[in-house]
Amino acid sequence: MQPVVVQHPLAQCHLTAIRAVSTPSHDFRRHLNHLARMLFLEATRELPVQEISVQTPLTQTHGVQLARPLVCVPILRAGLGLLDGILPLVPEAIVAHVGIKRNEETALPQPYYANLPANLGAADVFLLDPMLATGGSACEAARQLKEAGALRIIMICVVSCPEGLAAMARAHPDVSIITAAIDDGLNEHCYIVPGLGDAGDRYFGT
């Protein structure tokens, strides 16, 4: 499944702002929140809806509502930055959490926390992480979600790279990926280049 790259001019302007090393944390948060909303709108474009009847101030008419529940799953902690931008659009969404850190010596994922709801199989599940670098954390998170019953997973990331996309394609070819950029690749420390640095550190200012 080919990744979808959101090329909307406003999305790319927000991406440029969060790439800049001169952007302070408060502006980084604001731009990332706006970009997360735009990526989520693209990710939800094909969600099924069901027709309902509503009463307007004037008459009865037809409308729609989402046919399935939504579950947002940020990978801690940087994924919380995407969640902050998305939840105002879907405040009824269930929020689950997966904690996975990267071993800085081996670059391998180390899971340390998971809190997942029982309805994953009935839901549209959105896996959130600003960076898709080696793909280790994303692959491990998707594995955990599937093991817990998830059938429909869409990953939303701000910046991806060929290595991470290839890892996801091998391990989870059924997972759709929505991103704002496919960067050149990884450096010797397995960071995306040109990238935007450590998204968690820049979002939280720590």
N, C-alpha and C. Protein backbone atom coordinates (compact mmCIF):
# COMPACT_ATOMS: atom_id res chain seq x y z
N MET A 1 0.84 -1.18 0.00
CA MET A 1 0.00 0.00 0.00
C MET A 1 0.89 1.25 0.00
N GLN A 2 0.71 2.10 -0.99
CA GLN A 2 1.55 3.28 -1.12
C GLN A 2 1.17 4.34 -0.09
N PRO A 3 2.18 5.01 0.51
CA PRO A 3 1.86 6.09 1.45
C PRO A 3 1.19 7.25 0.73
N VAL A 4 0.35 7.97 1.45
CA VAL A 4 -0.28 9.18 0.93
C VAL A 4 0.48 10.38 1.49
N VAL A 5 1.03 11.21 0.61
CA VAL A 5 1.77 12.40 1.02
C VAL A 5 0.85 13.61 0.83
N VAL A 6 0.55 14.29 1.92
CA VAL A 6 -0.36 15.43 1.89
C VAL A 6 0.42 16.66 1.42
N GLN A 7 0.12 17.10 0.20
CA GLN A 7 0.87 18.19 -0.43
C GLN A 7 0.14 19.53 -0.35
N HIS A 8 -0.95 19.59 0.41
CA HIS A 8 -1.69 20.84 0.52
C HIS A 8 -0.72 21.97 0.90
N PRO A 9 -0.83 23.14 0.24
CA PRO A 9 0.11 24.23 0.54
C PRO A 9 0.18 24.61 2.02
N LEU A 10 -0.96 24.65 2.70
CA LEU A 10 -0.94 25.00 4.12
C LEU A 10 -0.23 23.93 4.94
N ALA A 11 -0.45 22.66 4.60
CA ALA A 11 0.24 21.58 5.30
C ALA A 11 1.75 21.73 5.14
N GLN A 12 2.20 22.06 3.94
CA GLN A 12 3.63 22.19 3.71
C GLN A 12 4.21 23.42 4.39
N CYS A 13 3.41 24.48 4.54
CA CYS A 13 3.86 25.65 5.30
C CYS A 13 4.05 25.31 6.78
N HIS A 14 3.09 24.57 7.34
CA HIS A 14 3.23 24.15 8.74
C HIS A 14 4.43 23.22 8.90
N LEU A 15 4.64 22.34 7.95
CA LEU A 15 5.79 21.44 8.01
C LEU A 15 7.09 22.23 7.99
N THR A 16 7.18 23.23 7.12
CA THR A 16 8.38 24.05 7.04
C THR A 16 8.66 24.73 8.38
N ALA A 17 7.61 25.21 9.03
CA ALA A 17 7.78 25.89 10.32
C ALA A 17 8.32 24.95 11.38
N ILE A 18 7.82 23.71 11.42
CA ILE A 18 8.30 22.80 12.46
C ILE A 18 9.67 22.21 12.13
N ARG A 19 10.07 22.27 10.88
CA ARG A 19 11.44 21.84 10.54
C ARG A 19 12.47 22.84 11.06
N ALA A 20 12.13 24.11 11.05
CA ALA A 20 13.11 25.17 11.34
C ALA A 20 13.61 25.07 12.78
N VAL A 21 14.90 25.02 12.96
CA VAL A 21 15.49 24.92 14.30
C VAL A 21 15.20 26.17 15.11
N SER A 22 14.91 27.28 14.46
CA SER A 22 14.64 28.54 15.16
C SER A 22 13.22 28.62 15.72
N THR A 23 12.36 27.66 15.38
CA THR A 23 10.98 27.70 15.86
C THR A 23 10.93 27.28 17.33
N PRO A 24 10.45 28.16 18.22
CA PRO A 24 10.39 27.81 19.64
C PRO A 24 9.28 26.80 19.92
N SER A 25 9.31 26.21 21.11
CA SER A 25 8.37 25.14 21.43
C SER A 25 6.92 25.56 21.29
N HIS A 26 6.56 26.78 21.73
CA HIS A 26 5.16 27.17 21.67
C HIS A 26 4.67 27.28 20.23
N ASP A 27 5.54 27.74 19.32
CA ASP A 27 5.16 27.79 17.91
C ASP A 27 5.22 26.41 17.27
N PHE A 28 6.17 25.59 17.70
CA PHE A 28 6.25 24.21 17.22
C PHE A 28 4.95 23.49 17.52
N ARG A 29 4.44 23.64 18.75
CA ARG A 29 3.17 23.00 19.13
C ARG A 29 2.03 23.48 18.25
N ARG A 30 1.96 24.78 18.05
CA ARG A 30 0.85 25.34 17.27
C ARG A 30 0.87 24.81 15.83
N HIS A 31 2.03 24.83 15.21
CA HIS A 31 2.11 24.36 13.83
C HIS A 31 1.87 22.86 13.74
N LEU A 32 2.38 22.09 14.70
CA LEU A 32 2.17 20.65 14.67
C LEU A 32 0.68 20.32 14.86
N ASN A 33 0.01 21.04 15.73
CA ASN A 33 -1.43 20.82 15.93
C ASN A 33 -2.21 21.07 14.65
N HIS A 34 -1.90 22.16 13.97
CA HIS A 34 -2.59 22.46 12.71
C HIS A 34 -2.30 21.38 11.66
N LEU A 35 -1.04 20.98 11.57
CA LEU A 35 -0.67 19.96 10.58
C LEU A 35 -1.33 18.63 10.91
N ALA A 36 -1.40 18.28 12.19
CA ALA A 36 -2.05 17.02 12.58
C ALA A 36 -3.50 17.00 12.13
N ARG A 37 -4.20 18.12 12.26
CA ARG A 37 -5.60 18.17 11.83
C ARG A 37 -5.71 17.91 10.34
N MET A 38 -4.81 18.51 9.56
CA MET A 38 -4.87 18.33 8.11
C MET A 38 -4.55 16.89 7.72
N LEU A 39 -3.59 16.28 8.38
CA LEU A 39 -3.28 14.88 8.10
C LEU A 39 -4.44 13.97 8.48
N PHE A 40 -5.09 14.29 9.61
CA PHE A 40 -6.22 13.47 10.06
C PHE A 40 -7.40 13.60 9.10
N LEU A 41 -7.63 14.78 8.59
CA LEU A 41 -8.72 14.95 7.62
C LEU A 41 -8.48 14.08 6.38
N GLU A 42 -7.23 14.01 5.94
CA GLU A 42 -6.92 13.14 4.81
C GLU A 42 -7.09 11.67 5.19
N ALA A 43 -6.65 11.32 6.39
CA ALA A 43 -6.71 9.92 6.84
C ALA A 43 -8.14 9.43 6.99
N THR A 44 -9.07 10.33 7.25
CA THR A 44 -10.47 9.95 7.47
C THR A 44 -11.34 10.14 6.23
N ARG A 45 -10.74 10.49 5.12
CA ARG A 45 -11.51 10.81 3.92
C ARG A 45 -12.45 9.70 3.48
N GLU A 46 -12.02 8.45 3.61
CA GLU A 46 -12.81 7.32 3.12
C GLU A 46 -13.56 6.56 4.21
N LEU A 47 -13.65 7.11 5.42
CA LEU A 47 -14.35 6.39 6.48
C LEU A 47 -15.83 6.21 6.13
N PRO A 48 -16.38 5.03 6.42
CA PRO A 48 -17.80 4.81 6.14
C PRO A 48 -18.69 5.60 7.10
N VAL A 49 -19.83 6.02 6.58
CA VAL A 49 -20.82 6.73 7.39
C VAL A 49 -22.15 6.03 7.26
N GLN A 50 -23.03 6.31 8.20
CA GLN A 50 -24.40 5.80 8.12
C GLN A 50 -25.36 6.97 8.21
N GLU A 51 -26.47 6.83 7.50
CA GLU A 51 -27.43 7.92 7.43
C GLU A 51 -28.27 7.97 8.70
N ILE A 52 -28.52 9.18 9.16
CA ILE A 52 -29.40 9.39 10.30
C ILE A 52 -30.38 10.51 9.97
N SER A 53 -31.43 10.60 10.75
CA SER A 53 -32.42 11.66 10.60
C SER A 53 -32.20 12.69 11.70
N VAL A 54 -32.23 13.97 11.35
CA VAL A 54 -32.06 15.04 12.32
C VAL A 54 -33.15 16.09 12.15
N GLN A 55 -33.46 16.73 13.24
CA GLN A 55 -34.46 17.80 13.22
C GLN A 55 -33.73 19.14 13.20
N THR A 56 -33.91 19.91 12.14
CA THR A 56 -33.36 21.26 12.10
C THR A 56 -34.39 22.22 12.76
N PRO A 57 -34.07 23.48 12.93
CA PRO A 57 -35.07 24.41 13.45
C PRO A 57 -36.31 24.53 12.57
N LEU A 58 -36.21 24.05 11.32
CA LEU A 58 -37.31 24.22 10.38
C LEU A 58 -38.01 22.92 10.00
N THR A 59 -37.25 21.83 9.90
CA THR A 59 -37.86 20.59 9.41
C THR A 59 -36.96 19.40 9.72
N GLN A 60 -37.45 18.23 9.38
CA GLN A 60 -36.67 17.01 9.50
C GLN A 60 -35.83 16.84 8.23
N THR A 61 -34.58 16.40 8.40
CA THR A 61 -33.74 16.17 7.23
C THR A 61 -32.80 15.01 7.50
N HIS A 62 -32.03 14.67 6.49
CA HIS A 62 -31.10 13.54 6.60
C HIS A 62 -29.68 14.04 6.84
N GLY A 63 -28.94 13.31 7.59
CA GLY A 63 -27.53 13.58 7.82
C GLY A 63 -26.77 12.28 7.94
N VAL A 64 -25.52 12.36 8.36
CA VAL A 64 -24.70 11.15 8.51
C VAL A 64 -23.92 11.21 9.80
N GLN A 65 -23.52 10.04 10.25
CA GLN A 65 -22.58 9.91 11.35
C GLN A 65 -21.61 8.79 11.02
N LEU A 66 -20.46 8.78 11.65
CA LEU A 66 -19.48 7.74 11.39
C LEU A 66 -20.06 6.37 11.74
N ALA A 67 -19.77 5.40 10.89
CA ALA A 67 -20.36 4.08 11.06
C ALA A 67 -19.64 3.25 12.13
N ARG A 68 -18.38 3.61 12.41
CA ARG A 68 -17.62 2.84 13.39
C ARG A 68 -16.97 3.78 14.40
N PRO A 69 -16.69 3.29 15.59
CA PRO A 69 -15.97 4.12 16.57
C PRO A 69 -14.54 4.38 16.10
N LEU A 70 -13.97 5.45 16.64
CA LEU A 70 -12.59 5.81 16.34
C LEU A 70 -11.73 5.59 17.58
N VAL A 71 -10.54 5.06 17.36
CA VAL A 71 -9.56 4.92 18.44
C VAL A 71 -8.26 5.57 17.97
N CYS A 72 -7.78 6.54 18.74
CA CYS A 72 -6.50 7.17 18.45
C CYS A 72 -5.45 6.60 19.39
N VAL A 73 -4.31 6.21 18.82
CA VAL A 73 -3.27 5.54 19.62
C VAL A 73 -1.94 6.27 19.42
N PRO A 74 -1.65 7.27 20.25
CA PRO A 74 -0.33 7.90 20.15
C PRO A 74 0.75 6.99 20.71
N ILE A 75 1.88 6.94 20.02
CA ILE A 75 3.06 6.29 20.58
C ILE A 75 3.73 7.30 21.49
N LEU A 76 3.83 6.97 22.77
CA LEU A 76 4.38 7.91 23.75
C LEU A 76 5.86 8.15 23.48
N ARG A 77 6.30 9.42 23.67
CA ARG A 77 5.45 10.52 24.07
C ARG A 77 5.15 11.47 22.92
N ALA A 78 5.97 11.41 21.86
CA ALA A 78 5.84 12.39 20.78
C ALA A 78 4.48 12.32 20.10
N GLY A 79 3.87 11.13 20.07
CA GLY A 79 2.56 11.00 19.44
C GLY A 79 1.49 11.83 20.09
N LEU A 80 1.70 12.24 21.34
CA LEU A 80 0.73 13.09 22.01
C LEU A 80 0.58 14.43 21.31
N GLY A 81 1.64 14.88 20.65
CA GLY A 81 1.56 16.14 19.91
C GLY A 81 0.57 16.08 18.76
N LEU A 82 0.48 14.94 18.09
CA LEU A 82 -0.52 14.77 17.05
C LEU A 82 -1.91 14.65 17.65
N LEU A 83 -2.01 13.95 18.78
CA LEU A 83 -3.31 13.77 19.43
C LEU A 83 -3.92 15.11 19.81
N ASP A 84 -3.11 16.03 20.31
CA ASP A 84 -3.63 17.33 20.72
C ASP A 84 -4.29 18.07 19.57
N GLY A 85 -3.78 17.88 18.36
CA GLY A 85 -4.38 18.53 17.21
C GLY A 85 -5.61 17.83 16.69
N ILE A 86 -5.69 16.52 16.90
CA ILE A 86 -6.77 15.72 16.33
C ILE A 86 -8.03 15.71 17.19
N LEU A 87 -7.87 15.63 18.50
CA LEU A 87 -9.03 15.44 19.38
C LEU A 87 -10.11 16.52 19.26
N PRO A 88 -9.77 17.79 19.02
CA PRO A 88 -10.85 18.77 18.83
C PRO A 88 -11.78 18.43 17.66
N LEU A 89 -11.29 17.69 16.67
CA LEU A 89 -12.12 17.29 15.53
C LEU A 89 -13.03 16.13 15.89
N VAL A 90 -12.56 15.24 16.76
CA VAL A 90 -13.33 14.03 17.12
C VAL A 90 -13.26 13.81 18.63
N PRO A 91 -13.89 14.70 19.41
CA PRO A 91 -13.78 14.57 20.87
C PRO A 91 -14.36 13.27 21.41
N GLU A 92 -15.18 12.60 20.60
CA GLU A 92 -15.76 11.33 21.04
C GLU A 92 -14.81 10.15 20.85
N ALA A 93 -13.68 10.36 20.22
CA ALA A 93 -12.75 9.27 19.96
C ALA A 93 -12.20 8.70 21.27
N ILE A 94 -11.98 7.40 21.27
CA ILE A 94 -11.31 6.74 22.38
C ILE A 94 -9.81 6.95 22.22
N VAL A 95 -9.12 7.20 23.32
CA VAL A 95 -7.67 7.39 23.27
C VAL A 95 -6.99 6.23 24.00
N ALA A 96 -6.21 5.48 23.26
CA ALA A 96 -5.39 4.42 23.83
C ALA A 96 -3.94 4.90 23.82
N HIS A 97 -3.06 4.18 24.50
CA HIS A 97 -1.66 4.58 24.55
C HIS A 97 -0.75 3.37 24.39
N VAL A 98 0.33 3.59 23.65
CA VAL A 98 1.38 2.59 23.53
C VAL A 98 2.70 3.28 23.83
N GLY A 99 3.46 2.72 24.76
CA GLY A 99 4.76 3.27 25.09
C GLY A 99 5.87 2.41 24.51
N ILE A 100 6.65 3.02 23.62
CA ILE A 100 7.77 2.31 23.00
C ILE A 100 8.93 3.30 22.91
N LYS A 101 10.07 2.95 23.46
CA LYS A 101 11.24 3.81 23.33
C LYS A 101 12.29 3.12 22.49
N ARG A 102 13.11 3.92 21.87
CA ARG A 102 14.17 3.37 21.04
C ARG A 102 15.45 3.23 21.84
N ASN A 103 16.03 2.05 21.79
CA ASN A 103 17.34 1.84 22.38
C ASN A 103 18.37 2.63 21.56
N GLU A 104 18.98 3.62 22.17
CA GLU A 104 19.87 4.51 21.42
C GLU A 104 21.14 3.81 20.94
N GLU A 105 21.47 2.66 21.53
CA GLU A 105 22.66 1.94 21.08
C GLU A 105 22.35 1.00 19.92
N THR A 106 21.18 0.34 19.99
CA THR A 106 20.84 -0.64 18.95
C THR A 106 19.82 -0.12 17.95
N ALA A 107 19.12 1.00 18.31
CA ALA A 107 18.03 1.57 17.51
C ALA A 107 16.83 0.64 17.44
N LEU A 108 16.78 -0.39 18.31
CA LEU A 108 15.65 -1.31 18.32
C LEU A 108 14.58 -0.82 19.28
N PRO A 109 13.30 -1.16 18.99
CA PRO A 109 12.20 -0.69 19.85
C PRO A 109 12.13 -1.46 21.17
N GLN A 110 11.81 -0.75 22.23
CA GLN A 110 11.65 -1.36 23.55
C GLN A 110 10.27 -0.98 24.09
N PRO A 111 9.27 -1.87 23.99
CA PRO A 111 7.95 -1.56 24.53
C PRO A 111 7.99 -1.51 26.05
N TYR A 112 7.28 -0.53 26.62
CA TYR A 112 7.26 -0.44 28.08
C TYR A 112 5.87 -0.16 28.64
N TYR A 113 4.88 0.07 27.77
CA TYR A 113 3.54 0.38 28.29
C TYR A 113 2.52 0.18 27.17
N ALA A 114 1.33 -0.29 27.54
CA ALA A 114 0.21 -0.39 26.60
C ALA A 114 -1.09 -0.35 27.38
N ASN A 115 -2.02 0.48 26.92
CA ASN A 115 -3.35 0.55 27.49
C ASN A 115 -4.32 0.64 26.32
N LEU A 116 -4.93 -0.50 25.97
CA LEU A 116 -5.72 -0.61 24.75
C LEU A 116 -7.15 -1.01 25.09
N PRO A 117 -8.13 -0.44 24.38
CA PRO A 117 -9.53 -0.76 24.66
C PRO A 117 -9.92 -2.11 24.08
N ALA A 118 -11.08 -2.59 24.51
CA ALA A 118 -11.55 -3.91 24.08
C ALA A 118 -12.21 -3.88 22.71
N ASN A 119 -12.53 -2.69 22.18
CA ASN A 119 -13.31 -2.61 20.95
C ASN A 119 -12.47 -2.38 19.71
N LEU A 120 -11.17 -2.70 19.74
CA LEU A 120 -10.31 -2.40 18.60
C LEU A 120 -10.81 -3.06 17.32
N GLY A 121 -11.36 -4.25 17.42
CA GLY A 121 -11.81 -4.95 16.22
C GLY A 121 -12.97 -4.28 15.53
N ALA A 122 -13.75 -3.51 16.26
CA ALA A 122 -14.90 -2.83 15.68
C ALA A 122 -14.59 -1.41 15.25
N ALA A 123 -13.38 -0.94 15.51
CA ALA A 123 -13.05 0.48 15.35
C ALA A 123 -12.13 0.73 14.16
N ASP A 124 -12.09 2.00 13.75
CA ASP A 124 -11.03 2.50 12.88
C ASP A 124 -9.95 3.04 13.80
N VAL A 125 -8.74 2.50 13.66
CA VAL A 125 -7.66 2.78 14.60
C VAL A 125 -6.61 3.64 13.93
N PHE A 126 -6.25 4.74 14.60
CA PHE A 126 -5.27 5.68 14.05
C PHE A 126 -4.02 5.66 14.95
N LEU A 127 -2.94 5.18 14.38
CA LEU A 127 -1.66 5.10 15.07
C LEU A 127 -0.91 6.41 14.82
N LEU A 128 -0.51 7.09 15.89
CA LEU A 128 0.03 8.44 15.77
C LEU A 128 1.49 8.50 16.23
N ASP A 129 2.35 8.98 15.36
CA ASP A 129 3.75 9.22 15.72
C ASP A 129 4.31 10.22 14.71
N PRO A 130 4.88 11.34 15.17
CA PRO A 130 5.36 12.33 14.20
C PRO A 130 6.42 11.81 13.24
N MET A 131 7.26 10.86 13.70
CA MET A 131 8.38 10.41 12.88
C MET A 131 8.28 8.92 12.57
N LEU A 132 8.45 8.58 11.31
CA LEU A 132 8.58 7.19 10.90
C LEU A 132 10.01 7.03 10.40
N ALA A 133 10.92 6.66 11.30
CA ALA A 133 12.35 6.61 11.00
C ALA A 133 12.77 5.20 10.60
N THR A 134 13.27 4.41 11.54
CA THR A 134 13.61 3.03 11.21
C THR A 134 12.36 2.18 11.00
N GLY A 135 11.25 2.63 11.58
CA GLY A 135 10.01 1.85 11.52
C GLY A 135 9.86 0.87 12.66
N GLY A 136 10.88 0.78 13.53
CA GLY A 136 10.81 -0.20 14.60
C GLY A 136 9.66 0.03 15.56
N SER A 137 9.49 1.26 16.02
CA SER A 137 8.42 1.56 16.96
C SER A 137 7.05 1.38 16.31
N ALA A 138 6.92 1.86 15.08
CA ALA A 138 5.63 1.74 14.38
C ALA A 138 5.27 0.28 14.14
N CYS A 139 6.24 -0.53 13.73
CA CYS A 139 5.97 -1.95 13.49
C CYS A 139 5.56 -2.66 14.78
N GLU A 140 6.26 -2.33 15.87
CA GLU A 140 5.94 -2.95 17.15
C GLU A 140 4.55 -2.51 17.63
N ALA A 141 4.24 -1.23 17.48
CA ALA A 141 2.92 -0.73 17.89
C ALA A 141 1.81 -1.39 17.07
N ALA A 142 2.01 -1.48 15.77
CA ALA A 142 1.00 -2.12 14.92
C ALA A 142 0.84 -3.59 15.29
N ARG A 143 1.94 -4.25 15.63
CA ARG A 143 1.85 -5.64 16.05
C ARG A 143 1.00 -5.77 17.31
N GLN A 144 1.25 -4.90 18.28
CA GLN A 144 0.48 -4.95 19.51
C GLN A 144 -1.01 -4.68 19.25
N LEU A 145 -1.28 -3.72 18.39
CA LEU A 145 -2.68 -3.40 18.08
C LEU A 145 -3.39 -4.58 17.42
N LYS A 146 -2.72 -5.22 16.48
CA LYS A 146 -3.32 -6.38 15.82
C LYS A 146 -3.51 -7.53 16.80
N GLU A 147 -2.53 -7.73 17.65
CA GLU A 147 -2.64 -8.79 18.65
C GLU A 147 -3.83 -8.55 19.58
N ALA A 148 -4.16 -7.27 19.79
CA ALA A 148 -5.29 -6.91 20.65
C ALA A 148 -6.61 -6.86 19.88
N GLY A 149 -6.57 -7.17 18.56
CA GLY A 149 -7.81 -7.29 17.80
C GLY A 149 -8.04 -6.28 16.72
N ALA A 150 -7.15 -5.31 16.54
CA ALA A 150 -7.37 -4.28 15.53
C ALA A 150 -7.35 -4.88 14.12
N LEU A 151 -8.31 -4.46 13.31
CA LEU A 151 -8.43 -4.95 11.93
C LEU A 151 -8.16 -3.86 10.91
N ARG A 152 -8.37 -2.59 11.30
CA ARG A 152 -8.22 -1.46 10.38
C ARG A 152 -7.33 -0.43 11.05
N ILE A 153 -6.09 -0.31 10.58
CA ILE A 153 -5.13 0.61 11.17
C ILE A 153 -4.65 1.59 10.11
N ILE A 154 -4.66 2.86 10.45
CA ILE A 154 -4.09 3.91 9.61
C ILE A 154 -3.03 4.61 10.45
N MET A 155 -1.83 4.74 9.91
CA MET A 155 -0.78 5.46 10.62
C MET A 155 -0.68 6.88 10.10
N ILE A 156 -0.61 7.82 11.03
CA ILE A 156 -0.41 9.23 10.69
C ILE A 156 0.96 9.65 11.23
N CYS A 157 1.82 10.12 10.34
CA CYS A 157 3.12 10.63 10.75
C CYS A 157 3.41 11.90 9.98
N VAL A 158 4.21 12.77 10.56
CA VAL A 158 4.54 14.03 9.90
C VAL A 158 5.63 13.82 8.87
N VAL A 159 6.72 13.19 9.29
CA VAL A 159 7.86 12.97 8.40
C VAL A 159 8.19 11.48 8.38
N SER A 160 8.37 10.95 7.19
CA SER A 160 8.75 9.54 7.01
C SER A 160 10.02 9.48 6.17
N CYS A 161 10.51 8.27 5.96
CA CYS A 161 11.68 8.09 5.11
C CYS A 161 11.60 6.70 4.48
N PRO A 162 12.38 6.45 3.43
CA PRO A 162 12.29 5.16 2.73
C PRO A 162 12.51 3.95 3.63
N GLU A 163 13.44 4.05 4.60
CA GLU A 163 13.73 2.90 5.46
C GLU A 163 12.52 2.53 6.31
N GLY A 164 11.90 3.53 6.91
CA GLY A 164 10.73 3.26 7.74
C GLY A 164 9.55 2.77 6.95
N LEU A 165 9.33 3.37 5.79
CA LEU A 165 8.23 2.93 4.93
C LEU A 165 8.43 1.49 4.47
N ALA A 166 9.68 1.15 4.15
CA ALA A 166 9.96 -0.22 3.71
C ALA A 166 9.73 -1.21 4.85
N ALA A 167 10.13 -0.84 6.07
CA ALA A 167 9.92 -1.73 7.21
C ALA A 167 8.44 -1.96 7.46
N MET A 168 7.63 -0.91 7.38
CA MET A 168 6.20 -1.06 7.57
C MET A 168 5.58 -1.89 6.45
N ALA A 169 6.04 -1.67 5.23
CA ALA A 169 5.50 -2.43 4.10
C ALA A 169 5.77 -3.92 4.24
N ARG A 170 6.94 -4.26 4.78
CA ARG A 170 7.27 -5.67 4.98
C ARG A 170 6.44 -6.28 6.11
N ALA A 171 6.37 -5.58 7.23
CA ALA A 171 5.74 -6.15 8.41
C ALA A 171 4.23 -5.99 8.42
N HIS A 172 3.73 -4.86 7.87
CA HIS A 172 2.30 -4.56 7.94
C HIS A 172 1.83 -3.91 6.63
N PRO A 173 1.81 -4.68 5.56
CA PRO A 173 1.43 -4.10 4.26
C PRO A 173 -0.01 -3.61 4.21
N ASP A 174 -0.83 -4.01 5.17
CA ASP A 174 -2.24 -3.59 5.20
C ASP A 174 -2.45 -2.27 5.94
N VAL A 175 -1.42 -1.72 6.54
CA VAL A 175 -1.55 -0.47 7.29
C VAL A 175 -1.33 0.71 6.35
N SER A 176 -2.33 1.56 6.22
CA SER A 176 -2.19 2.78 5.41
C SER A 176 -1.33 3.79 6.16
N ILE A 177 -0.58 4.58 5.40
CA ILE A 177 0.29 5.59 6.00
C ILE A 177 -0.01 6.94 5.37
N ILE A 178 -0.30 7.93 6.23
CA ILE A 178 -0.53 9.30 5.79
C ILE A 178 0.61 10.13 6.35
N THR A 179 1.30 10.89 5.50
CA THR A 179 2.46 11.65 5.94
C THR A 179 2.50 12.98 5.20
N ALA A 180 3.28 13.92 5.74
CA ALA A 180 3.46 15.20 5.07
C ALA A 180 4.73 15.23 4.24
N ALA A 181 5.63 14.26 4.44
CA ALA A 181 6.89 14.26 3.69
C ALA A 181 7.55 12.90 3.75
N ILE A 182 8.20 12.55 2.65
CA ILE A 182 9.11 11.40 2.62
C ILE A 182 10.51 11.99 2.44
N ASP A 183 11.30 11.97 3.52
CA ASP A 183 12.62 12.58 3.49
C ASP A 183 13.66 11.65 2.87
N ASP A 184 14.89 12.14 2.83
CA ASP A 184 15.95 11.43 2.10
C ASP A 184 16.31 10.09 2.72
N GLY A 185 16.40 10.03 4.04
CA GLY A 185 16.81 8.79 4.68
C GLY A 185 17.28 9.02 6.09
N LEU A 186 18.05 8.06 6.62
CA LEU A 186 18.52 8.11 8.00
C LEU A 186 20.02 8.40 8.04
N ASN A 187 20.44 9.12 9.10
CA ASN A 187 21.87 9.31 9.29
C ASN A 187 22.44 8.17 10.13
N GLU A 188 23.69 8.29 10.53
CA GLU A 188 24.35 7.20 11.25
C GLU A 188 23.75 6.96 12.63
N HIS A 189 22.99 7.92 13.13
CA HIS A 189 22.32 7.76 14.43
C HIS A 189 20.85 7.36 14.27
N CYS A 190 20.47 7.02 13.05
CA CYS A 190 19.10 6.61 12.73
C CYS A 190 18.08 7.73 12.94
N TYR A 191 18.51 8.97 12.73
CA TYR A 191 17.59 10.09 12.71
C TYR A 191 17.29 10.48 11.26
N ILE A 192 16.04 10.90 11.01
CA ILE A 192 15.63 11.26 9.66
C ILE A 192 16.33 12.55 9.23
N VAL A 193 16.84 12.56 8.00
CA VAL A 193 17.47 13.73 7.40
C VAL A 193 16.71 14.11 6.13
N PRO A 194 16.30 15.39 5.94
CA PRO A 194 16.59 16.52 6.83
C PRO A 194 15.78 16.52 8.13
N GLY A 195 14.63 15.91 8.15
CA GLY A 195 13.88 15.73 9.39
C GLY A 195 13.49 17.01 10.08
N LEU A 196 13.30 16.90 11.40
CA LEU A 196 12.97 18.08 12.20
C LEU A 196 13.51 17.94 13.63
N GLY A 197 14.46 17.04 13.81
CA GLY A 197 15.00 16.81 15.14
C GLY A 197 14.15 15.86 15.94
N ASP A 198 14.23 15.93 17.26
CA ASP A 198 13.45 15.09 18.15
C ASP A 198 12.11 15.77 18.39
N ALA A 199 11.06 15.21 17.81
CA ALA A 199 9.74 15.85 17.87
C ALA A 199 9.23 15.97 19.30
N GLY A 200 9.47 14.95 20.12
CA GLY A 200 9.03 15.00 21.50
C GLY A 200 9.72 16.09 22.28
N ASP A 201 11.03 16.18 22.16
CA ASP A 201 11.79 17.22 22.86
C ASP A 201 11.33 18.61 22.43
N ARG A 202 11.11 18.78 21.14
CA ARG A 202 10.74 20.12 20.65
C ARG A 202 9.31 20.46 21.02
N TYR A 203 8.43 19.47 21.06
CA TYR A 203 7.03 19.74 21.40
C TYR A 203 6.87 20.08 22.87
N PHE A 204 7.56 19.32 23.73
CA PHE A 204 7.40 19.50 25.17
C PHE A 204 8.44 20.43 25.78
N GLY A 205 9.46 20.81 24.99
CA GLY A 205 10.46 21.74 25.49
C GLY A 205 11.42 21.14 26.49
N THR A 206 11.60 19.81 26.42
CA THR A 206 12.50 19.14 27.37
C THR A 206 13.50 18.28 26.63
